C-alpha atoms as a PDB file:
ATOM      1  CA  GLN A   1       0.000   0.000   0.000  1.00  0.00           C
ATOM      2  CA  VAL A   2       1.252   3.464  -0.927  1.00  0.00           C
ATOM      3  CA  GLN A   3      -0.014   6.788   0.376  1.00  0.00           C
ATOM      4  CA  LEU A   4       0.705   9.991  -1.544  1.00  0.00           C
ATOM      5  CA  VAL A   5       0.428  13.499  -0.098  1.00  0.00           C
ATOM      6  CA  GLU A   6       0.788  16.582  -2.289  1.00  0.00           C
ATOM      7  CA  SER A   7       1.666  20.100  -1.274  1.00  0.00           C
ATOM      8  CA  GLY A   8       2.624  23.381  -2.873  1.00  0.00           C
ATOM      9  CA  GLY A   9      -0.478  24.466  -4.765  1.00  0.00           C
ATOM     10  CA  GLY A  10      -1.960  27.925  -4.575  1.00  0.00           C
ATOM     11  CA  LEU A  11      -2.793  31.124  -6.389  1.00  0.00           C
ATOM     12  CA  VAL A  12      -0.182  32.693  -8.652  1.00  0.00           C
ATOM     13  CA  GLN A  13      -0.174  35.438 -11.249  1.00  0.00           C
ATOM     14  CA  PRO A  14       0.440  34.660 -14.920  1.00  0.00           C
ATOM     15  CA  GLY A  15       4.137  34.250 -15.552  1.00  0.00           C
ATOM     16  CA  GLY A  16       4.764  33.156 -11.979  1.00  0.00           C
ATOM     17  CA  SER A  17       6.149  29.938 -10.571  1.00  0.00           C
ATOM     18  CA  LEU A  18       5.077  27.213  -8.187  1.00  0.00           C
ATOM     19  CA  ARG A  19       6.713  24.015  -6.989  1.00  0.00           C
ATOM     20  CA  LEU A  20       4.539  21.016  -6.186  1.00  0.00           C
ATOM     21  CA  SER A  21       5.734  18.161  -4.012  1.00  0.00           C
ATOM     22  CA  CYS A  22       4.329  14.682  -3.541  1.00  0.00           C
ATOM     23  CA  ALA A  23       5.667  12.455  -0.796  1.00  0.00           C
ATOM     24  CA  ALA A  24       5.046   8.714  -0.760  1.00  0.00           C
ATOM     25  CA  SER A  25       4.772   6.663   2.408  1.00  0.00           C
ATOM     26  CA  GLY A  26       3.880   3.088   3.274  1.00  0.00           C
ATOM     27  CA  SER A  27       5.342   0.035   1.537  1.00  0.00           C
ATOM     28  CA  ILE A  28       7.303   2.193  -0.828  1.00  0.00           C
ATOM     29  CA  ARG A  29      10.449   0.321  -1.741  1.00  0.00           C
ATOM     30  CA  ASN A  30      11.049   0.219  -5.479  1.00  0.00           C
ATOM     31  CA  ILE A  31       8.311   2.563  -6.603  1.00  0.00           C
ATOM     32  CA  ASN A  32       8.616   2.687 -10.371  1.00  0.00           C
ATOM     33  CA  THR A  33       7.149   5.616 -12.303  1.00  0.00           C
ATOM     34  CA  MET A  34       5.866   8.711 -10.527  1.00  0.00           C
ATOM     35  CA  GLY A  35       4.379  11.827 -11.984  1.00  0.00           C
ATOM     36  CA  TRP A  36       1.567  14.287 -12.270  1.00  0.00           C
ATOM     37  CA  TYR A  37      -1.832  14.568 -13.902  1.00  0.00           C
ATOM     38  CA  ARG A  38      -4.139  17.552 -13.860  1.00  0.00           C
ATOM     39  CA  GLN A  39      -7.836  18.151 -14.323  1.00  0.00           C
ATOM     40  CA  ALA A  40      -9.340  21.522 -15.142  1.00  0.00           C
ATOM     41  CA  PRO A  41     -13.043  22.294 -14.594  1.00  0.00           C
ATOM     42  CA  GLY A  42     -15.143  20.721 -17.322  1.00  0.00           C
ATOM     43  CA  LYS A  43     -12.174  18.926 -18.875  1.00  0.00           C
ATOM     44  CA  GLN A  44     -10.797  15.419 -18.807  1.00  0.00           C
ATOM     45  CA  ARG A  45      -7.840  14.513 -16.659  1.00  0.00           C
ATOM     46  CA  GLU A  46      -4.602  14.784 -18.627  1.00  0.00           C
ATOM     47  CA  PRO A  47      -1.033  13.691 -17.992  1.00  0.00           C
ATOM     48  CA  VAL A  48       1.412  16.484 -17.272  1.00  0.00           C
ATOM     49  CA  ALA A  49       4.776  14.858 -16.572  1.00  0.00           C
ATOM     50  CA  THR A  50       6.234  11.514 -15.549  1.00  0.00           C
ATOM     51  CA  ILE A  51       9.585  10.319 -14.299  1.00  0.00           C
ATOM     52  CA  THR A  52      10.788   6.736 -14.046  1.00  0.00           C
ATOM     53  CA  ARG A  53      12.946   5.293 -11.304  1.00  0.00           C
ATOM     54  CA  GLY A  54      15.864   5.606 -13.707  1.00  0.00           C
ATOM     55  CA  GLY A  55      15.185   9.276 -14.301  1.00  0.00           C
ATOM     56  CA  SER A  56      13.607   9.219 -17.761  1.00  0.00           C
ATOM     57  CA  THR A  57      11.001  11.941 -18.155  1.00  0.00           C
ATOM     58  CA  THR A  58       8.022  12.715 -20.355  1.00  0.00           C
ATOM     59  CA  TYR A  59       6.039  15.926 -20.650  1.00  0.00           C
ATOM     60  CA  ALA A  60       2.788  17.053 -22.167  1.00  0.00           C
ATOM     61  CA  ASP A  61       3.435  19.284 -25.172  1.00  0.00           C
ATOM     62  CA  SER A  62       1.607  22.132 -23.458  1.00  0.00           C
ATOM     63  CA  VAL A  63       4.124  22.273 -20.590  1.00  0.00           C
ATOM     64  CA  LYS A  64       7.415  21.424 -22.319  1.00  0.00           C
ATOM     65  CA  GLY A  65      10.050  24.027 -21.603  1.00  0.00           C
ATOM     66  CA  ARG A  66       8.096  25.441 -18.649  1.00  0.00           C
ATOM     67  CA  PHE A  67       7.648  22.519 -16.227  1.00  0.00           C
ATOM     68  CA  THR A  68      10.314  20.221 -14.799  1.00  0.00           C
ATOM     69  CA  VAL A  69       9.626  16.935 -13.011  1.00  0.00           C
ATOM     70  CA  SER A  70      12.192  15.458 -10.633  1.00  0.00           C
ATOM     71  CA  ARG A  71      12.571  12.930  -7.795  1.00  0.00           C
ATOM     72  CA  ASP A  72      14.610  12.888  -4.622  1.00  0.00           C
ATOM     73  CA  ASN A  73      17.507  10.472  -4.124  1.00  0.00           C
ATOM     74  CA  ALA A  74      15.341   8.087  -2.109  1.00  0.00           C
ATOM     75  CA  LYS A  75      12.930   7.969  -5.080  1.00  0.00           C
ATOM     76  CA  THR A  76       9.953   8.513  -2.783  1.00  0.00           C
ATOM     77  CA  THR A  77       9.187  12.167  -3.435  1.00  0.00           C
ATOM     78  CA  VAL A  78       8.338  13.661  -6.789  1.00  0.00           C
ATOM     79  CA  TYR A  79       8.428  17.364  -7.565  1.00  0.00           C
ATOM     80  CA  LEU A  80       6.931  19.511 -10.293  1.00  0.00           C
ATOM     81  CA  GLN A  81       8.606  22.864 -10.842  1.00  0.00           C
ATOM     82  CA  MET A  82       6.227  25.046 -12.818  1.00  0.00           C
ATOM     83  CA  ASN A  83       7.541  28.239 -14.402  1.00  0.00           C
ATOM     84  CA  GLY A  84       5.914  30.646 -16.792  1.00  0.00           C
ATOM     85  CA  LEU A  85       2.473  29.695 -15.551  1.00  0.00           C
ATOM     86  CA  LYS A  86      -0.508  30.539 -17.729  1.00  0.00           C
ATOM     87  CA  PRO A  87      -4.219  30.817 -16.889  1.00  0.00           C
ATOM     88  CA  GLU A  88      -4.818  27.605 -18.837  1.00  0.00           C
ATOM     89  CA  ASP A  89      -2.595  25.766 -16.330  1.00  0.00           C
ATOM     90  CA  THR A  90      -5.320  26.273 -13.715  1.00  0.00           C
ATOM     91  CA  ALA A  91      -6.371  22.819 -12.524  1.00  0.00           C
ATOM     92  CA  VAL A  92      -6.273  20.320  -9.702  1.00  0.00           C
ATOM     93  CA  TYR A  93      -2.892  18.599  -9.907  1.00  0.00           C
ATOM     94  CA  CYS A  94      -2.676  14.997  -8.696  1.00  0.00           C
ATOM     95  CA  CYS A  95       0.448  12.948  -8.301  1.00  0.00           C
ATOM     96  CA  PHE A  96       0.565   9.243  -8.979  1.00  0.00           C
ATOM     97  CA  ALA A  97       2.926   6.366  -8.374  1.00  0.00           C
ATOM     98  CA  VAL A  98       3.197   2.959 -10.004  1.00  0.00           C
ATOM     99  CA  PHE A  99       4.088   0.230  -7.511  1.00  0.00           C
ATOM    100  CA  LEU A 100       3.964  -3.512  -8.160  1.00  0.00           C
ATOM    101  CA  GLY A 101       1.731  -2.924 -11.159  1.00  0.00           C
ATOM    102  CA  TYR A 102      -0.833  -0.788  -9.341  1.00  0.00           C
ATOM    103  CA  ASN A 103      -1.460   2.934  -9.737  1.00  0.00           C
ATOM    104  CA  TYR A 104      -1.782   5.011  -6.581  1.00  0.00           C
ATOM    105  CA  TRP A 105      -3.074   8.586  -6.477  1.00  0.00           C
ATOM    106  CA  GLY A 106      -2.791  11.573  -4.211  1.00  0.00           C
ATOM    107  CA  GLN A 107      -5.759  13.689  -3.171  1.00  0.00           C
ATOM    108  CA  GLY A 108      -4.828  16.591  -5.448  1.00  0.00           C
ATOM    109  CA  THR A 109      -3.756  20.178  -4.938  1.00  0.00           C
ATOM    110  CA  GLN A 110      -5.349  23.228  -6.554  1.00  0.00           C
ATOM    111  CA  VAL A 111      -3.271  25.472  -8.783  1.00  0.00           C
ATOM    112  CA  THR A 112      -4.920  28.720  -9.874  1.00  0.00           C
ATOM    113  CA  VAL A 113      -3.231  31.101 -12.286  1.00  0.00           C
ATOM    114  CA  SER A 114      -4.985  34.447 -12.341  1.00  0.00           C
ATOM    115  CA  SER A 115      -4.283  38.146 -12.130  1.00  0.00           C
END
């Protein structure tokens, strides 16, 4: 069993930055891929960024060059550095982790980009 807790969301002006964190706890040895999805009001959930245990990353086209996903050395915390935020980045951001073939999800953190 894996528990995920996100932090770091909030309100930011366009062009600003935020850093999201997601810490895993529980039976967390050898978590494989971790990453982030987001869901905006009235829209489907979409992948934002992923990072494997080996450090390979993927990004949605809409965030390439602005967002950076990373993990700590223990491989149990995943971060999302978001720069150059735009109003269309407003969404609930959820982290996920793949462990022993199962997907685990955090509760989500709200990111609002508005002037």
